Amino acid sequence: MKFRTGIIGLGTVSGTHRRALDCLDQVKLTAVCDVKPEKREGLLEEIHFYQDYEEMLDKEPLDAVHICLPHYLHLPAARACGRRGIHVLLEKPSAMNTAQLRELKALEREYDFKLSVCLQNRLNPTFVKLQELVDSGRFGRLLGVKGVAVWSRDMEYYRESPWRADMALAGGGCMINQAIHTLDQLQLLGGPIRRVSGQICSLVHRDIQVEDTAAAHIDFESGAEGTFFGTVTYVKNSSIEVQAVCEKGSFTIKDYGLYYAPAEAEEEKELLVRDRRLEGAKTYYGASHVELIRGFYEMLAQGGSGFMSVQEDRAVPLIEAIRRSSLEGRPILWKEME
């Protein structure tokens, strides 16, 4: 079976999706949609262009759609696809907040379509290996996890797409836009969360409604502790750092490699595996979109479920818990987010 696929939203990340689709023999991109007519330029004749996604969904016999829209449009576009029984792959974030996330989960159950989220860094070789080693128990109990995302976004980034600076349209700043993958990885490593304490602010970008910097402490039910720091106020996009400290040693993902250091000799770091890297300047994006998109279509072909499912998205609630903790000046119990 060859899946007929469409893309809604032709912004920067849609190019990553299109390149990934080009690698898949079982998928054919047949239609795309964007409100800007100039986005039609350069398309193959066989790819139909629309400016209204409702029209595209009505006219095109699509099996699946990739939603690459600004955050505030994710829910209505997913709803439009679900009503028509069209499967959806949502760019991150799945939703702007937990209320929208609950609506998405309800839509998937109501219309019986597959709704997956692009949390592709779960599939990076370094993180896959890190999860395997931590979960194996060979290195003792997990004591703590750390995530650091230090990137650069100047005011021009917000001016060129003003919705990014608007809390009602973006749902947040550096956490939901740049550090969501790092927060997702921390919750996967640490397991069920008990309590979250956080602080958010705008250190540099005073004219935006969303945060440019965030810090958090996460208490996991296992007794492990997590520390997170994210900002877009640096001069460059630094490599993401994710660390897991176990009783017998520490594992650190940094500079696209996974390193192990035994507890008794932390200076003796061993490189275990390296990530694939995208060509071009934006290597910090990660390079696992192809694997994620292939997995999405393999799930559809096999009639399965659960692959990167919106039902398992805990990154959005974690972001909201950090924000609530900062705004309310208190720790947030995880049960308050459920």
C-alpha atoms as a PDB file:
ATOM      1  CA  MET A   1       0.000   0.000   0.000  1.00  0.00           C
ATOM      2  CA  LYS A   2       1.201   3.495  -0.855  1.00  0.00           C
ATOM      3  CA  PHE A   3      -0.008   6.124   1.589  1.00  0.00           C
ATOM      4  CA  ARG A   4      -1.304   9.394   0.153  1.00  0.00           C
ATOM      5  CA  THR A   5      -0.084  12.183   2.367  1.00  0.00           C
ATOM      6  CA  GLY A   6      -0.500  15.917   2.778  1.00  0.00           C
ATOM      7  CA  ILE A   7       1.282  18.666   4.710  1.00  0.00           C
ATOM      8  CA  ILE A   8      -0.515  21.576   6.349  1.00  0.00           C
ATOM      9  CA  GLY A   9       1.835  24.495   6.926  1.00  0.00           C
ATOM     10  CA  LEU A  10       4.948  25.088   4.822  1.00  0.00           C
ATOM     11  CA  GLY A  11       7.172  26.836   7.338  1.00  0.00           C
ATOM     12  CA  THR A  12      10.778  25.922   8.086  1.00  0.00           C
ATOM     13  CA  VAL A  13      10.180  22.532   9.700  1.00  0.00           C
ATOM     14  CA  SER A  14       7.999  21.317   6.822  1.00  0.00           C
ATOM     15  CA  GLY A  15      11.155  21.036   4.724  1.00  0.00           C
ATOM     16  CA  THR A  16      12.470  18.451   7.175  1.00  0.00           C
ATOM     17  CA  HIS A  17       9.234  16.483   6.795  1.00  0.00           C
ATOM     18  CA  ARG A  18       9.362  16.678   2.999  1.00  0.00           C
ATOM     19  CA  ARG A  19      12.943  15.444   2.886  1.00  0.00           C
ATOM     20  CA  ALA A  20      12.028  12.570   5.199  1.00  0.00           C
ATOM     21  CA  LEU A  21       9.042  11.633   3.030  1.00  0.00           C
ATOM     22  CA  ASP A  22      11.330  11.546  -0.013  1.00  0.00           C
ATOM     23  CA  CYS A  23      13.197   8.698   1.704  1.00  0.00           C
ATOM     24  CA  LEU A  24      10.082   6.527   2.071  1.00  0.00           C
ATOM     25  CA  ASP A  25       8.940   4.368  -0.845  1.00  0.00           C
ATOM     26  CA  GLN A  26       5.564   3.587   0.737  1.00  0.00           C
ATOM     27  CA  VAL A  27       4.474   7.234   0.969  1.00  0.00           C
ATOM     28  CA  LYS A  28       3.532   9.755  -1.718  1.00  0.00           C
ATOM     29  CA  LEU A  29       3.146  13.451  -0.962  1.00  0.00           C
ATOM     30  CA  THR A  30       0.122  14.493  -3.007  1.00  0.00           C
ATOM     31  CA  ALA A  31      -1.046  17.797  -1.485  1.00  0.00           C
ATOM     32  CA  VAL A  32       0.207  20.699   0.617  1.00  0.00           C
ATOM     33  CA  CYS A  33      -1.434  23.749   2.148  1.00  0.00           C
ATOM     34  CA  ASP A  34      -0.264  27.176   3.248  1.00  0.00           C
ATOM     35  CA  VAL A  35      -1.997  30.552   3.497  1.00  0.00           C
ATOM     36  CA  LYS A  36       0.866  32.201   1.590  1.00  0.00           C
ATOM     37  CA  PRO A  37       0.427  31.728  -2.190  1.00  0.00           C
ATOM     38  CA  GLU A  38       4.162  32.146  -2.809  1.00  0.00           C
ATOM     39  CA  LYS A  39       4.716  28.807  -1.073  1.00  0.00           C
ATOM     40  CA  ARG A  40       3.462  27.195  -4.296  1.00  0.00           C
ATOM     41  CA  GLU A  41       6.734  28.095  -6.005  1.00  0.00           C
ATOM     42  CA  GLY A  42       9.053  25.182  -6.645  1.00  0.00           C
ATOM     43  CA  LEU A  43       6.473  22.457  -6.029  1.00  0.00           C
ATOM     44  CA  LEU A  44       6.289  19.498  -8.370  1.00  0.00           C
ATOM     45  CA  GLU A  45       3.236  19.602 -10.645  1.00  0.00           C
ATOM     46  CA  GLU A  46       1.941  16.375  -9.125  1.00  0.00           C
ATOM     47  CA  ILE A  47       1.691  18.014  -5.676  1.00  0.00           C
ATOM     48  CA  HIS A  48      -1.565  19.956  -5.396  1.00  0.00           C
ATOM     49  CA  PHE A  49      -1.390  23.294  -3.578  1.00  0.00           C
ATOM     50  CA  TYR A  50      -4.136  24.758  -1.377  1.00  0.00           C
ATOM     51  CA  GLN A  51      -4.499  27.832   0.801  1.00  0.00           C
ATOM     52  CA  ASP A  52      -7.370  26.389   2.867  1.00  0.00           C
ATOM     53  CA  TYR A  53      -6.771  23.089   4.637  1.00  0.00           C
ATOM     54  CA  GLU A  54     -10.487  22.333   4.934  1.00  0.00           C
ATOM     55  CA  GLU A  55     -10.693  22.483   1.131  1.00  0.00           C
ATOM     56  CA  MET A  56      -7.632  20.271   0.795  1.00  0.00           C
ATOM     57  CA  LEU A  57      -9.045  17.691   3.197  1.00  0.00           C
ATOM     58  CA  ASP A  58     -12.375  17.653   1.334  1.00  0.00           C
ATOM     59  CA  LYS A  59     -10.901  17.357  -2.157  1.00  0.00           C
ATOM     60  CA  GLU A  60      -7.888  15.109  -1.651  1.00  0.00           C
ATOM     61  CA  PRO A  61      -8.170  11.372  -0.826  1.00  0.00           C
ATOM     62  CA  LEU A  62      -5.565  11.492   1.919  1.00  0.00           C
ATOM     63  CA  ASP A  63      -4.548   8.732   4.313  1.00  0.00           C
ATOM     64  CA  ALA A  64      -2.442  10.955   6.564  1.00  0.00           C
ATOM     65  CA  VAL A  65      -1.501  14.573   7.132  1.00  0.00           C
ATOM     66  CA  HIS A  66       1.543  16.216   8.701  1.00  0.00           C
ATOM     67  CA  ILE A  67       0.549  19.324  10.669  1.00  0.00           C
ATOM     68  CA  CYS A  68       3.406  21.857  10.696  1.00  0.00           C
ATOM     69  CA  LEU A  69       1.433  24.918  11.757  1.00  0.00           C
ATOM     70  CA  PRO A  70       1.914  27.496  14.528  1.00  0.00           C
ATOM     71  CA  HIS A  71       0.969  26.039  17.903  1.00  0.00           C
ATOM     72  CA  TYR A  72      -2.470  27.664  18.215  1.00  0.00           C
ATOM     73  CA  LEU A  73      -3.622  25.956  14.998  1.00  0.00           C
ATOM     74  CA  HIS A  74      -2.657  22.396  15.970  1.00  0.00           C
ATOM     75  CA  LEU A  75      -5.916  21.521  17.718  1.00  0.00           C
ATOM     76  CA  PRO A  76      -8.371  22.818  15.062  1.00  0.00           C
ATOM     77  CA  ALA A  77      -6.369  21.257  12.224  1.00  0.00           C
ATOM     78  CA  ALA A  78      -6.160  17.909  14.045  1.00  0.00           C
ATOM     79  CA  ARG A  79      -9.894  18.060  14.688  1.00  0.00           C
ATOM     80  CA  ALA A  80     -10.578  18.685  10.972  1.00  0.00           C
ATOM     81  CA  CYS A  81      -8.469  15.651  10.038  1.00  0.00           C
ATOM     82  CA  GLY A  82      -9.987  13.438  12.718  1.00  0.00           C
ATOM     83  CA  ARG A  83     -13.543  14.157  11.601  1.00  0.00           C
ATOM     84  CA  ARG A  84     -12.579  12.845   8.173  1.00  0.00           C
ATOM     85  CA  GLY A  85     -10.737   9.798   9.502  1.00  0.00           C
ATOM     86  CA  ILE A  86      -7.347  11.066   8.324  1.00  0.00           C
ATOM     87  CA  HIS A  87      -4.371  10.056  10.487  1.00  0.00           C
ATOM     88  CA  VAL A  88      -2.182  12.869  11.828  1.00  0.00           C
ATOM     89  CA  LEU A  89       1.472  13.422  12.596  1.00  0.00           C
ATOM     90  CA  LEU A  90       1.731  16.615  14.652  1.00  0.00           C
ATOM     91  CA  GLU A  91       4.886  18.676  14.872  1.00  0.00           C
ATOM     92  CA  LYS A  92       5.786  19.481  18.447  1.00  0.00           C
ATOM     93  CA  PRO A  93       4.267  20.653  20.667  1.00  0.00           C
ATOM     94  CA  SER A  94       1.136  18.552  20.455  1.00  0.00           C
ATOM     95  CA  ALA A  95      -0.769  21.315  22.247  1.00  0.00           C
ATOM     96  CA  MET A  96      -0.235  24.646  23.999  1.00  0.00           C
ATOM     97  CA  ASN A  97      -1.449  23.409  27.398  1.00  0.00           C
ATOM     98  CA  THR A  98      -2.949  20.450  29.214  1.00  0.00           C
ATOM     99  CA  ALA A  99      -6.536  21.498  28.447  1.00  0.00           C
ATOM    100  CA  GLN A 100      -5.822  21.304  24.711  1.00  0.00           C
ATOM    101  CA  LEU A 101      -3.904  18.068  25.195  1.00  0.00           C
ATOM    102  CA  ARG A 102      -6.945  16.498  26.842  1.00  0.00           C
ATOM    103  CA  GLU A 103      -9.038  17.605  23.858  1.00  0.00           C
ATOM    104  CA  LEU A 104      -6.586  15.980  21.445  1.00  0.00           C
ATOM    105  CA  LYS A 105      -6.678  12.724  23.390  1.00  0.00           C
ATOM    106  CA  ALA A 106     -10.474  12.769  23.362  1.00  0.00           C
ATOM    107  CA  LEU A 107     -10.507  13.447  19.596  1.00  0.00           C
ATOM    108  CA  GLU A 108      -8.308  10.418  18.903  1.00  0.00           C
ATOM    109  CA  ARG A 109     -10.653   8.182  20.876  1.00  0.00           C
ATOM    110  CA  GLU A 110     -13.831   9.718  19.406  1.00  0.00           C
ATOM    111  CA  TYR A 111     -12.862   9.529  15.736  1.00  0.00           C
ATOM    112  CA  ASP A 112     -10.646   6.424  15.969  1.00  0.00           C
ATOM    113  CA  PHE A 113      -7.726   7.876  14.024  1.00  0.00           C
ATOM    114  CA  LYS A 114      -4.017   7.814  14.841  1.00  0.00           C
ATOM    115  CA  LEU A 115      -2.552  10.987  16.321  1.00  0.00           C
ATOM    116  CA  SER A 116       1.223  10.947  16.794  1.00  0.00           C
ATOM    117  CA  VAL A 117       3.625  13.686  17.896  1.00  0.00           C
ATOM    118  CA  CYS A 118       7.065  14.587  16.521  1.00  0.00           C
ATOM    119  CA  LEU A 119       9.234  13.950  19.557  1.00  0.00           C
ATOM    120  CA  GLN A 120      11.958  12.593  17.314  1.00  0.00           C
ATOM    121  CA  ASN A 121      14.868  13.050  19.719  1.00  0.00           C
ATOM    122  CA  ARG A 122      13.591   9.987  21.573  1.00  0.00           C
ATOM    123  CA  LEU A 123      14.990   8.067  18.599  1.00  0.00           C
ATOM    124  CA  ASN A 124      18.475   9.593  18.589  1.00  0.00           C
ATOM    125  CA  PRO A 125      20.988   6.718  18.919  1.00  0.00           C
ATOM    126  CA  THR A 126      22.555   8.378  21.974  1.00  0.00           C
ATOM    127  CA  PHE A 127      19.225   8.599  23.804  1.00  0.00           C
ATOM    128  CA  VAL A 128      18.070   5.112  22.791  1.00  0.00           C
ATOM    129  CA  LYS A 129      21.320   3.712  24.216  1.00  0.00           C
ATOM    130  CA  LEU A 130      21.070   5.873  27.334  1.00  0.00           C
ATOM    131  CA  GLN A 131      17.557   4.633  28.096  1.00  0.00           C
ATOM    132  CA  GLU A 132      18.640   1.043  27.542  1.00  0.00           C
ATOM    133  CA  LEU A 133      21.588   1.352  29.937  1.00  0.00           C
ATOM    134  CA  VAL A 134      19.656   3.164  32.675  1.00  0.00           C
ATOM    135  CA  ASP A 135      16.740   0.733  32.461  1.00  0.00           C
ATOM    136  CA  SER A 136      19.024  -2.324  32.497  1.00  0.00           C
ATOM    137  CA  GLY A 137      19.788  -1.899  36.205  1.00  0.00           C
ATOM    138  CA  ARG A 138      23.422  -2.862  35.590  1.00  0.00           C
ATOM    139  CA  PHE A 139      24.613   0.501  36.906  1.00  0.00           C
ATOM    140  CA  GLY A 140      22.517   0.590  40.020  1.00  0.00           C
ATOM    141  CA  ARG A 141      19.684   2.885  40.960  1.00  0.00           C
ATOM    142  CA  LEU A 142      19.082   6.091  39.020  1.00  0.00           C
ATOM    143  CA  LEU A 143      19.973   9.006  41.311  1.00  0.00           C
ATOM    144  CA  GLY A 144      19.319  11.990  39.092  1.00  0.00           C
ATOM    145  CA  VAL A 145      18.921  13.433  35.615  1.00  0.00           C
ATOM    146  CA  LYS A 146      19.936  16.766  34.149  1.00  0.00           C
ATOM    147  CA  GLY A 147      18.915  18.589  30.980  1.00  0.00           C
ATOM    148  CA  VAL A 148      20.488  21.768  29.594  1.00  0.00           C
ATOM    149  CA  ALA A 149      19.282  23.561  26.450  1.00  0.00           C
ATOM    150  CA  VAL A 150      21.151  26.799  25.749  1.00  0.00           C
ATOM    151  CA  TRP A 151      20.290  28.324  22.377  1.00  0.00           C
ATOM    152  CA  SER A 152      20.121  31.692  20.668  1.00  0.00           C
ATOM    153  CA  ARG A 153      17.003  33.526  19.498  1.00  0.00           C
ATOM    154  CA  ASP A 154      17.172  37.283  18.950  1.00  0.00           C
ATOM    155  CA  MET A 155      14.222  39.670  18.674  1.00  0.00           C
ATOM    156  CA  GLU A 156      14.164  39.253  14.902  1.00  0.00           C
ATOM    157  CA  TYR A 157      13.091  35.641  15.492  1.00  0.00           C
ATOM    158  CA  TYR A 158       9.973  36.913  17.261  1.00  0.00           C
ATOM    159  CA  ARG A 159       9.361  39.803  14.852  1.00  0.00           C
ATOM    160  CA  GLU A 160       9.369  37.598  11.754  1.00  0.00           C
ATOM    161  CA  SER A 161       6.650  35.394  13.292  1.00  0.00           C
ATOM    162  CA  PRO A 162       4.921  37.472  15.984  1.00  0.00           C
ATOM    163  CA  TRP A 163       2.812  34.550  17.216  1.00  0.00           C
ATOM    164  CA  ARG A 164       5.974  33.121  18.824  1.00  0.00           C
ATOM    165  CA  ALA A 165       6.010  36.027  21.307  1.00  0.00           C
ATOM    166  CA  ASP A 166       2.291  35.795  22.125  1.00  0.00           C
ATOM    167  CA  MET A 167       1.370  33.506  25.027  1.00  0.00           C
ATOM    168  CA  ALA A 168      -2.164  32.992  23.685  1.00  0.00           C
ATOM    169  CA  LEU A 169      -0.809  31.796  20.317  1.00  0.00           C
ATOM    170  CA  ALA A 170       2.411  29.982  21.258  1.00  0.00           C
ATOM    171  CA  GLY A 171       1.616  28.580  24.698  1.00  0.00           C
ATOM    172  CA  GLY A 172       5.070  29.506  25.936  1.00  0.00           C
ATOM    173  CA  GLY A 173       8.592  30.380  24.902  1.00  0.00           C
ATOM    174  CA  CYS A 174      11.901  28.560  25.223  1.00  0.00           C
ATOM    175  CA  MET A 175      10.403  25.533  26.971  1.00  0.00           C
ATOM    176  CA  ILE A 176       7.681  24.711  24.451  1.00  0.00           C
ATOM    177  CA  ASN A 177       9.606  25.838  21.385  1.00  0.00           C
ATOM    178  CA  GLN A 178      13.261  24.938  21.952  1.00  0.00           C
ATOM    179  CA  ALA A 179      13.600  22.742  25.066  1.00  0.00           C
ATOM    180  CA  ILE A 180      10.537  20.506  24.755  1.00  0.00           C
ATOM    181  CA  HIS A 181      12.612  17.557  23.531  1.00  0.00           C
ATOM    182  CA  THR A 182      14.999  17.877  26.471  1.00  0.00           C
ATOM    183  CA  LEU A 183      12.125  17.961  28.973  1.00  0.00           C
ATOM    184  CA  ASP A 184      10.535  14.979  27.233  1.00  0.00           C
ATOM    185  CA  GLN A 185      13.773  13.015  27.571  1.00  0.00           C
ATOM    186  CA  LEU A 186      14.092  13.859  31.270  1.00  0.00           C
ATOM    187  CA  GLN A 187      10.625  12.535  32.059  1.00  0.00           C
ATOM    188  CA  LEU A 188      11.273   9.375  30.049  1.00  0.00           C
ATOM    189  CA  LEU A 189      14.484   8.693  31.973  1.00  0.00           C
ATOM    190  CA  GLY A 190      13.153   9.616  35.403  1.00  0.00           C
ATOM    191  CA  GLY A 191       9.783   7.890  35.172  1.00  0.00           C
ATOM    192  CA  PRO A 192       6.609   9.015  36.949  1.00  0.00           C
ATOM    193  CA  ILE A 193       6.874  12.522  38.391  1.00  0.00           C
ATOM    194  CA  ARG A 194       5.882  13.415  41.950  1.00  0.00           C
ATOM    195  CA  ARG A 195       6.501  17.152  42.162  1.00  0.00           C
ATOM    196  CA  VAL A 196       7.836  20.050  40.060  1.00  0.00           C
ATOM    197  CA  SER A 197       9.335  23.369  41.150  1.00  0.00           C
ATOM    198  CA  GLY A 198      10.203  25.976  38.542  1.00  0.00           C
ATOM    199  CA  GLN A 199      11.100  29.544  37.687  1.00  0.00           C
ATOM    200  CA  ILE A 200      10.567  31.271  34.341  1.00  0.00           C
ATOM    201  CA  CYS A 201      11.436  34.794  33.211  1.00  0.00           C
ATOM    202  CA  SER A 202      12.486  36.997  30.323  1.00  0.00           C
ATOM    203  CA  LEU A 203      16.081  37.864  31.048  1.00  0.00           C
ATOM    204  CA  VAL A 204      16.790  39.633  27.773  1.00  0.00           C
ATOM    205  CA  HIS A 205      13.672  39.816  25.589  1.00  0.00           C
ATOM    206  CA  ARG A 206      11.555  42.254  27.581  1.00  0.00           C
ATOM    207  CA  ASP A 207       8.988  42.848  24.835  1.00  0.00           C
ATOM    208  CA  ILE A 208       7.662  39.291  24.578  1.00  0.00           C
ATOM    209  CA  GLN A 209       4.911  37.632  26.617  1.00  0.00           C
ATOM    210  CA  VAL A 210       6.629  34.229  26.738  1.00  0.00           C
ATOM    211  CA  GLU A 211       9.712  33.151  28.682  1.00  0.00           C
ATOM    212  CA  ASP A 212      13.210  33.262  27.227  1.00  0.00           C
ATOM    213  CA  THR A 213      14.696  31.404  30.240  1.00  0.00           C
ATOM    214  CA  ALA A 214      13.461  28.638  32.546  1.00  0.00           C
ATOM    215  CA  ALA A 215      14.843  26.485  35.356  1.00  0.00           C
ATOM    216  CA  ALA A 216      13.235  23.598  37.211  1.00  0.00           C
ATOM    217  CA  HIS A 217      13.709  20.886  39.800  1.00  0.00           C
ATOM    218  CA  ILE A 218      11.801  17.641  39.293  1.00  0.00           C
ATOM    219  CA  ASP A 219      11.154  15.070  42.012  1.00  0.00           C
ATOM    220  CA  PHE A 220      10.430  11.609  40.605  1.00  0.00           C
ATOM    221  CA  GLU A 221       8.440   8.928  42.401  1.00  0.00           C
ATOM    222  CA  SER A 222      11.499   6.659  42.288  1.00  0.00           C
ATOM    223  CA  GLY A 223      13.422   9.076  44.495  1.00  0.00           C
ATOM    224  CA  ALA A 224      15.565  10.337  41.614  1.00  0.00           C
ATOM    225  CA  GLU A 225      15.894  14.107  41.230  1.00  0.00           C
ATOM    226  CA  GLY A 226      15.982  16.149  38.040  1.00  0.00           C
ATOM    227  CA  THR A 227      17.447  19.531  37.167  1.00  0.00           C
ATOM    228  CA  PHE A 228      16.576  21.476  34.029  1.00  0.00           C
ATOM    229  CA  PHE A 229      17.839  24.742  32.587  1.00  0.00           C
ATOM    230  CA  GLY A 230      16.853  26.272  29.268  1.00  0.00           C
ATOM    231  CA  THR A 231      17.415  29.639  27.641  1.00  0.00           C
ATOM    232  CA  VAL A 232      17.515  31.304  24.228  1.00  0.00           C
ATOM    233  CA  THR A 233      19.672  34.222  25.386  1.00  0.00           C
ATOM    234  CA  TYR A 234      23.086  32.854  24.392  1.00  0.00           C
ATOM    235  CA  VAL A 235      25.173  33.895  21.356  1.00  0.00           C
ATOM    236  CA  LYS A 236      24.912  30.493  19.631  1.00  0.00           C
ATOM    237  CA  ASN A 237      22.921  27.267  19.590  1.00  0.00           C
ATOM    238  CA  SER A 238      24.917  25.013  21.883  1.00  0.00           C
ATOM    239  CA  SER A 239      24.722  21.250  21.917  1.00  0.00           C
ATOM    240  CA  ILE A 240      21.975  19.894  24.153  1.00  0.00           C
ATOM    241  CA  GLU A 241      23.220  18.162  27.312  1.00  0.00           C
ATOM    242  CA  VAL A 242      21.324  15.305  28.970  1.00  0.00           C
ATOM    243  CA  GLN A 243      22.843  13.426  31.903  1.00  0.00           C
ATOM    244  CA  ALA A 244      21.790  10.437  33.984  1.00  0.00           C
ATOM    245  CA  VAL A 245      23.643   9.711  37.222  1.00  0.00           C
ATOM    246  CA  CYS A 246      23.447   6.139  38.518  1.00  0.00           C
ATOM    247  CA  GLU A 247      25.032   4.563  41.578  1.00  0.00           C
ATOM    248  CA  LYS A 248      27.868   3.037  39.566  1.00  0.00           C
ATOM    249  CA  GLY A 249      28.500   5.798  37.061  1.00  0.00           C
ATOM    250  CA  SER A 250      27.250   8.701  34.968  1.00  0.00           C
ATOM    251  CA  PHE A 251      26.070   8.869  31.376  1.00  0.00           C
ATOM    252  CA  THR A 252      26.189  12.175  29.502  1.00  0.00           C
ATOM    253  CA  ILE A 253      24.897  13.129  26.077  1.00  0.00           C
ATOM    254  CA  LYS A 254      26.812  16.149  24.807  1.00  0.00           C
ATOM    255  CA  ASP A 255      28.241  17.266  21.479  1.00  0.00           C
ATOM    256  CA  TYR A 256      26.200  14.510  19.785  1.00  0.00           C
ATOM    257  CA  GLY A 257      27.894  11.686  21.674  1.00  0.00           C
ATOM    258  CA  LEU A 258      26.982   9.504  24.677  1.00  0.00           C
ATOM    259  CA  TYR A 259      29.765   9.192  27.246  1.00  0.00           C
ATOM    260  CA  TYR A 260      30.126   6.946  30.296  1.00  0.00           C
ATOM    261  CA  ALA A 261      32.200   7.737  33.378  1.00  0.00           C
ATOM    262  CA  PRO A 262      32.467   5.210  36.231  1.00  0.00           C
ATOM    263  CA  ALA A 263      31.659   6.560  39.696  1.00  0.00           C
ATOM    264  CA  GLU A 264      35.143   5.760  40.997  1.00  0.00           C
ATOM    265  CA  ALA A 265      36.934   7.514  38.100  1.00  0.00           C
ATOM    266  CA  GLU A 266      34.748  10.264  36.669  1.00  0.00           C
ATOM    267  CA  GLU A 267      37.586  11.708  34.600  1.00  0.00           C
ATOM    268  CA  GLU A 268      37.802   8.492  32.556  1.00  0.00           C
ATOM    269  CA  LYS A 269      35.076   9.134  30.013  1.00  0.00           C
ATOM    270  CA  GLU A 270      34.280   6.514  27.383  1.00  0.00           C
ATOM    271  CA  LEU A 271      32.445   7.364  24.165  1.00  0.00           C
ATOM    272  CA  LEU A 272      29.685   4.795  23.643  1.00  0.00           C
ATOM    273  CA  VAL A 273      27.803   5.993  20.557  1.00  0.00           C
ATOM    274  CA  ARG A 274      27.401   9.043  18.339  1.00  0.00           C
ATOM    275  CA  ASP A 275      24.288  10.575  16.823  1.00  0.00           C
ATOM    276  CA  ARG A 276      23.670  11.009  13.149  1.00  0.00           C
ATOM    277  CA  ARG A 277      23.807  14.656  12.155  1.00  0.00           C
ATOM    278  CA  LEU A 278      21.842  16.708   9.658  1.00  0.00           C
ATOM    279  CA  GLU A 279      23.706  18.376   6.836  1.00  0.00           C
ATOM    280  CA  GLY A 280      23.827  22.148   7.032  1.00  0.00           C
ATOM    281  CA  ALA A 281      23.857  24.629   9.889  1.00  0.00           C
ATOM    282  CA  LYS A 282      20.998  23.363  12.027  1.00  0.00           C
ATOM    283  CA  THR A 283      22.636  20.221  13.382  1.00  0.00           C
ATOM    284  CA  TYR A 284      21.276  21.045  16.834  1.00  0.00           C
ATOM    285  CA  TYR A 285      17.777  20.097  15.611  1.00  0.00           C
ATOM    286  CA  GLY A 286      18.649  16.403  15.748  1.00  0.00           C
ATOM    287  CA  ALA A 287      18.462  14.002  12.813  1.00  0.00           C
ATOM    288  CA  SER A 288      15.788  11.462  13.697  1.00  0.00           C
ATOM    289  CA  HIS A 289      12.792  12.834  11.799  1.00  0.00           C
ATOM    290  CA  VAL A 290      13.301  10.172   9.124  1.00  0.00           C
ATOM    291  CA  GLU A 291      13.167   7.371  11.696  1.00  0.00           C
ATOM    292  CA  LEU A 292      10.124   8.873  13.389  1.00  0.00           C
ATOM    293  CA  ILE A 293       8.205   9.423  10.152  1.00  0.00           C
ATOM    294  CA  ARG A 294       9.100   5.942   8.927  1.00  0.00           C
ATOM    295  CA  GLY A 295       7.866   4.520  12.227  1.00  0.00           C
ATOM    296  CA  PHE A 296       4.596   6.440  11.895  1.00  0.00           C
ATOM    297  CA  TYR A 297       3.851   4.921   8.494  1.00  0.00           C
ATOM    298  CA  GLU A 298       4.962   1.460   9.571  1.00  0.00           C
ATOM    299  CA  MET A 299       2.427   1.735  12.398  1.00  0.00           C
ATOM    300  CA  LEU A 300      -0.296   2.653   9.898  1.00  0.00           C
ATOM    301  CA  ALA A 301       0.691  -0.185   7.549  1.00  0.00           C
ATOM    302  CA  GLN A 302       0.558  -2.724  10.359  1.00  0.00           C
ATOM    303  CA  GLY A 303      -2.701  -1.403  11.791  1.00  0.00           C
ATOM    304  CA  GLY A 304      -0.996  -0.778  15.114  1.00  0.00           C
ATOM    305  CA  SER A 305      -1.176   2.044  17.617  1.00  0.00           C
ATOM    306  CA  GLY A 306       0.809   3.821  20.274  1.00  0.00           C
ATOM    307  CA  PHE A 307       3.772   5.039  18.217  1.00  0.00           C
ATOM    308  CA  MET A 308       4.654   8.493  19.626  1.00  0.00           C
ATOM    309  CA  SER A 309       1.012   8.669  20.657  1.00  0.00           C
ATOM    310  CA  VAL A 310      -0.508  11.898  21.925  1.00  0.00           C
ATOM    311  CA  GLN A 311      -1.917   9.751  24.735  1.00  0.00           C
ATOM    312  CA  GLU A 312       1.606   9.381  26.161  1.00  0.00           C
ATOM    313  CA  ASP A 313       2.670  13.034  25.845  1.00  0.00           C
ATOM    314  CA  ARG A 314       3.944  14.210  29.240  1.00  0.00           C
ATOM    315  CA  ALA A 315       6.138  17.021  27.947  1.00  0.00           C
ATOM    316  CA  VAL A 316       3.251  19.487  27.700  1.00  0.00           C
ATOM    317  CA  PRO A 317       2.078  18.869  31.304  1.00  0.00           C
ATOM    318  CA  LEU A 318       5.663  19.164  32.543  1.00  0.00           C
ATOM    319  CA  ILE A 319       6.066  22.540  30.831  1.00  0.00           C
ATOM    320  CA  GLU A 320       2.782  23.737  32.305  1.00  0.00           C
ATOM    321  CA  ALA A 321       3.795  22.524  35.784  1.00  0.00           C
ATOM    322  CA  ILE A 322       7.054  24.519  35.596  1.00  0.00           C
ATOM    323  CA  ARG A 323       5.161  27.622  34.521  1.00  0.00           C
ATOM    324  CA  ARG A 324       2.490  27.214  37.192  1.00  0.00           C
ATOM    325  CA  SER A 325       5.119  26.713  39.869  1.00  0.00           C
ATOM    326  CA  SER A 326       6.792  29.949  38.862  1.00  0.00           C
ATOM    327  CA  LEU A 327       3.586  31.964  38.642  1.00  0.00           C
ATOM    328  CA  GLU A 328       2.080  30.566  41.850  1.00  0.00           C
ATOM    329  CA  GLY A 329       5.310  30.517  43.853  1.00  0.00           C
ATOM    330  CA  ARG A 330       4.958  26.915  45.024  1.00  0.00           C
ATOM    331  CA  PRO A 331       5.824  23.332  44.032  1.00  0.00           C
ATOM    332  CA  ILE A 332       3.233  21.664  41.797  1.00  0.00           C
ATOM    333  CA  LEU A 333       2.225  18.092  42.586  1.00  0.00           C
ATOM    334  CA  TRP A 334       1.978  15.958  39.460  1.00  0.00           C
ATOM    335  CA  LYS A 335      -1.506  14.779  40.413  1.00  0.00           C
ATOM    336  CA  GLU A 336      -2.626  18.397  39.881  1.00  0.00           C
ATOM    337  CA  MET A 337      -1.674  18.027  36.196  1.00  0.00           C
ATOM    338  CA  GLU A 338      -3.660  14.843  35.572  1.00  0.00           C
END
